[in-house]
Structures are given as C-alpha cells and as structure tokens.
Amino acid sequence: MAESVKVLISNRQKVVKIPSGIRLLIRRCCHAVLQMEGFHDSAEVSVSFVSNEQIQQLNLEFRGKDAPTDVLSFPLGEDGQYDRNMETGALQLGDIVISIERAMEQARMYGHSLQREIGFLTVHSMLHLLGYDHEAGGLEQVRMREKEESVLADLGLQRDASYVLSQDEI
C-alpha cells in the first residue's frame, strides 16, 4: 500500500455544482489504483474540475484537438521516474483535468451514475499518470480497460446491465 496519497482537488468552473461525495470518491479511486499497481511511495496528484469550454482550450493547446473532451491527463513522470516534492518527500504523479459538464453528459448517455463516470475518468487518468497508454489500441488498450474495470469493481462501481443497450433500444 502507498505510504500516503495526497489528492489536491480544485473546482475551476462555475457551470455545475460539484455533488457532495465526489471529492471522497476521487480520493478513493486514486488510492485504489496505486494499491492495485503496488505503488509503495508517498504520492501527490492534482485533480481539477473545469467546464467544457476550458477543457476544449486545453485539448487544443496540448493535443491539437479543437473539441471538448471528458478528461485530460498530464503525467509528471516518465518510465516510473517522478519528481519528488522536496517539502513532503512525495512523488509528484501529475495532473488530472475533468470536464464536469462532459462527465454529466456521458453518465446520462451511458445510463449510469455520475459517480460511476467520475470514478471511471479518475481511474483512467491515474493509469495514464502511471505510464499506461491506450492510444495505439491493441493489447495495451485491453490491459488498461481490464485494470479500470477491476478497480471500479473493487470500489463498487462496476458496470451494470443498463450500461449496454440491447438491440431493441438502439
């Protein structure tokens, strides 16, 4: 188990009120990913809530994509090497930026709770901060998805039957 995980959460948008319990959920997700990965050091992660407009700007600036997205990950480490906060001794894993507007849209679209959606986005981004990548598809994408679902199931946020539409609903 990681010695300690400090999750700094900030709300940088005014469009949506962040529901109670979401901050605790994010902290639980970050801890669960590090535990699953056997991460034994102290760590720090920053999570920010932004609007669709703000995440679209970041997506354009850092990825060259002029469209809003659900989450962006900004890893501070490479190949398992991270900067250390000299004051606390904790490894700085990076920043997670979540569009709360997009998360709400996707929760509605997929027919599951906002908690499930925020949990998924947090776990997904934490894996990116630890060096996982799915952009090329293939086995790496499958491994990442399996890890995401495993952590979410451990947290009681597994997919339920309403997640997948039947042929009649399409």
Protein backbone atom coordinates (compact mmCIF):
# COMPACT_ATOMS: atom_id res chain seq x y z
CA MET A 1 0.00 0.00 0.00
CA ALA A 2 1.21 3.50 -0.82
CA GLU A 3 2.51 5.29 2.28
CA SER A 4 0.26 8.29 1.75
CA VAL A 5 -1.51 9.77 -1.22
CA LYS A 6 -2.29 13.46 -1.23
CA VAL A 7 -5.02 14.31 -3.75
CA LEU A 8 -5.38 18.04 -4.31
CA ILE A 9 -8.84 18.74 -5.75
CA SER A 10 -9.86 22.11 -7.15
CA ASN A 11 -13.04 23.31 -8.83
CA ARG A 12 -12.10 25.77 -11.60
CA GLN A 13 -15.54 26.12 -13.18
CA LYS A 14 -18.83 27.74 -12.18
CA VAL A 15 -21.21 25.94 -14.57
CA VAL A 16 -22.03 22.91 -12.40
CA LYS A 17 -22.15 22.47 -8.62
CA ILE A 18 -19.93 19.54 -7.66
CA PRO A 19 -22.16 16.97 -5.90
CA SER A 20 -21.23 16.01 -2.34
CA GLY A 21 -19.23 12.82 -2.08
CA ILE A 22 -17.42 13.30 -5.40
CA ARG A 23 -14.18 14.51 -3.78
CA LEU A 24 -14.06 11.47 -1.47
CA LEU A 25 -14.79 9.21 -4.45
CA ILE A 26 -11.85 10.70 -6.38
CA ARG A 27 -9.52 10.14 -3.42
CA ARG A 28 -10.71 6.53 -3.09
CA CYS A 29 -10.12 5.95 -6.83
CA CYS A 30 -6.59 7.36 -6.68
CA HIS A 31 -5.74 5.20 -3.64
CA ALA A 32 -7.24 2.09 -5.26
CA VAL A 33 -5.20 2.46 -8.47
CA LEU A 34 -1.95 2.93 -6.56
CA GLN A 35 -2.77 -0.05 -4.35
CA MET A 36 -3.55 -2.25 -7.38
CA GLU A 37 -0.27 -1.20 -9.01
CA GLY A 38 1.74 -1.98 -5.86
CA PHE A 39 2.87 1.64 -5.56
CA HIS A 40 4.69 1.93 -2.22
CA ASP A 41 5.89 5.53 -2.19
CA SER A 42 4.10 8.63 -0.94
CA ALA A 43 2.46 10.39 -3.86
CA GLU A 44 0.70 13.60 -4.86
CA VAL A 45 -1.93 14.02 -7.55
CA SER A 46 -3.80 17.14 -8.62
CA VAL A 47 -7.40 16.88 -9.88
CA SER A 48 -9.23 19.87 -11.35
CA PHE A 49 -12.85 20.26 -12.44
CA VAL A 50 -13.28 22.50 -15.47
CA SER A 51 -16.04 23.44 -17.95
CA ASN A 52 -16.35 22.11 -21.50
CA GLU A 53 -15.04 25.44 -22.76
CA GLN A 54 -11.94 25.24 -20.54
CA ILE A 55 -11.14 21.62 -21.44
CA GLN A 56 -11.60 22.37 -25.14
CA GLN A 57 -8.96 25.11 -24.82
CA LEU A 58 -6.56 22.72 -23.04
CA ASN A 59 -7.25 19.96 -25.58
CA LEU A 60 -6.41 22.37 -28.41
CA GLU A 61 -3.30 23.72 -26.69
CA PHE A 62 -1.80 20.37 -25.65
CA ARG A 63 -3.21 17.85 -28.15
CA GLY A 64 -4.08 19.96 -31.18
CA LYS A 65 -7.75 18.88 -30.97
CA ASP A 66 -10.27 21.72 -31.07
CA ALA A 67 -13.08 19.93 -29.25
CA PRO A 68 -14.12 19.37 -25.65
CA THR A 69 -13.14 16.03 -24.14
CA ASP A 70 -14.03 14.32 -20.88
CA VAL A 71 -10.64 14.13 -19.18
CA LEU A 72 -7.01 15.08 -19.77
CA SER A 73 -4.01 13.60 -18.00
CA PHE A 74 -0.74 15.45 -17.55
CA PRO A 75 1.84 12.97 -16.22
CA LEU A 76 4.87 14.48 -14.49
CA GLY A 77 6.88 11.27 -14.63
CA GLU A 78 8.32 9.10 -17.32
CA ASP A 79 9.25 5.40 -17.19
CA GLY A 80 8.37 5.22 -13.49
CA GLN A 81 10.60 8.19 -12.60
CA TYR A 82 8.87 11.11 -10.87
CA ASP A 83 9.91 14.41 -9.37
CA ARG A 84 9.84 14.48 -5.59
CA ASN A 85 8.22 17.27 -3.60
CA MET A 86 11.19 18.43 -1.54
CA GLU A 87 8.97 19.55 1.36
CA THR A 88 6.95 16.36 1.72
CA GLY A 89 9.13 13.74 0.02
CA ALA A 90 6.12 12.59 -2.02
CA LEU A 91 6.41 11.67 -5.68
CA GLN A 92 4.50 14.06 -7.95
CA LEU A 93 2.48 11.91 -10.33
CA GLY A 94 0.78 14.66 -12.31
CA ASP A 95 -2.47 16.45 -13.03
CA ILE A 96 -5.93 15.19 -13.96
CA VAL A 97 -8.39 17.63 -15.54
CA ILE A 98 -12.06 16.56 -15.71
CA SER A 99 -14.85 18.34 -17.58
CA ILE A 100 -17.71 18.01 -15.11
CA GLU A 101 -20.17 19.04 -17.85
CA ARG A 102 -18.93 16.28 -20.15
CA ALA A 103 -18.93 13.73 -17.31
CA MET A 104 -22.61 14.50 -16.63
CA GLU A 105 -23.46 14.21 -20.35
CA GLN A 106 -21.68 10.85 -20.60
CA ALA A 107 -23.27 9.47 -17.43
CA ARG A 108 -26.69 10.24 -18.96
CA MET A 109 -25.67 8.85 -22.35
CA TYR A 110 -24.35 5.57 -20.88
CA GLY A 111 -27.21 5.26 -18.41
CA HIS A 112 -25.11 5.09 -15.27
CA SER A 113 -24.45 7.34 -12.28
CA LEU A 114 -22.27 10.43 -12.26
CA GLN A 115 -20.25 8.65 -9.55
CA ARG A 116 -19.52 5.75 -11.93
CA GLU A 117 -18.49 8.20 -14.67
CA ILE A 118 -16.23 10.33 -12.43
CA GLY A 119 -14.79 7.13 -10.95
CA PHE A 120 -14.01 5.78 -14.41
CA LEU A 121 -12.42 9.06 -15.58
CA THR A 122 -10.29 9.28 -12.43
CA VAL A 123 -9.10 5.66 -12.61
CA HIS A 124 -8.44 6.02 -16.37
CA SER A 125 -6.34 9.15 -15.81
CA MET A 126 -4.46 7.68 -12.85
CA LEU A 127 -3.37 4.81 -15.10
CA HIS A 128 -2.14 7.39 -17.64
CA LEU A 129 -0.17 9.14 -14.88
CA LEU A 130 1.47 5.78 -14.13
CA GLY A 131 2.51 5.32 -17.77
CA TYR A 132 -0.34 3.31 -19.30
CA ASP A 133 -1.47 4.28 -22.78
CA HIS A 134 -4.36 3.15 -24.96
CA GLU A 135 -3.92 5.46 -27.95
CA ALA A 136 -2.36 2.75 -30.13
CA GLY A 137 -5.11 0.26 -29.26
CA GLY A 138 -4.28 -3.44 -29.18
CA LEU A 139 -3.13 -5.30 -26.10
CA GLU A 140 -2.14 -2.17 -24.16
CA GLN A 141 -5.70 -0.82 -24.54
CA VAL A 142 -7.19 -4.15 -23.42
CA ARG A 143 -4.87 -4.30 -20.36
CA MET A 144 -5.76 -0.74 -19.41
CA ARG A 145 -9.50 -1.42 -19.71
CA GLU A 146 -9.20 -4.59 -17.59
CA LYS A 147 -7.36 -2.64 -14.87
CA GLU A 148 -10.00 0.12 -14.96
CA GLU A 149 -12.87 -2.32 -14.56
CA SER A 150 -11.05 -4.23 -11.81
CA VAL A 151 -10.52 -1.08 -9.70
CA LEU A 152 -14.07 0.15 -10.31
CA ALA A 153 -15.50 -3.24 -9.31
CA ASP A 154 -13.40 -3.18 -6.11
CA LEU A 155 -14.94 0.23 -5.34
CA GLY A 156 -18.48 -1.00 -6.08
CA LEU A 157 -18.69 0.99 -9.33
CA GLN A 158 -18.78 -1.87 -11.81
CA ARG A 159 -20.82 -1.67 -14.96
CA ASP A 160 -24.41 -2.69 -14.52
CA ALA A 161 -26.85 -4.16 -17.01
CA SER A 162 -28.14 -0.73 -18.02
CA TYR A 163 -24.67 0.22 -19.28
CA VAL A 164 -25.08 -1.75 -22.50
CA LEU A 165 -28.08 -1.08 -24.71
CA SER A 166 -29.99 -4.08 -26.03
CA GLN A 167 -30.74 -4.35 -29.75
CA ASP A 168 -34.31 -3.14 -29.07
CA GLU A 169 -33.02 0.13 -27.56
CA ILE A 170 -30.62 1.04 -30.39
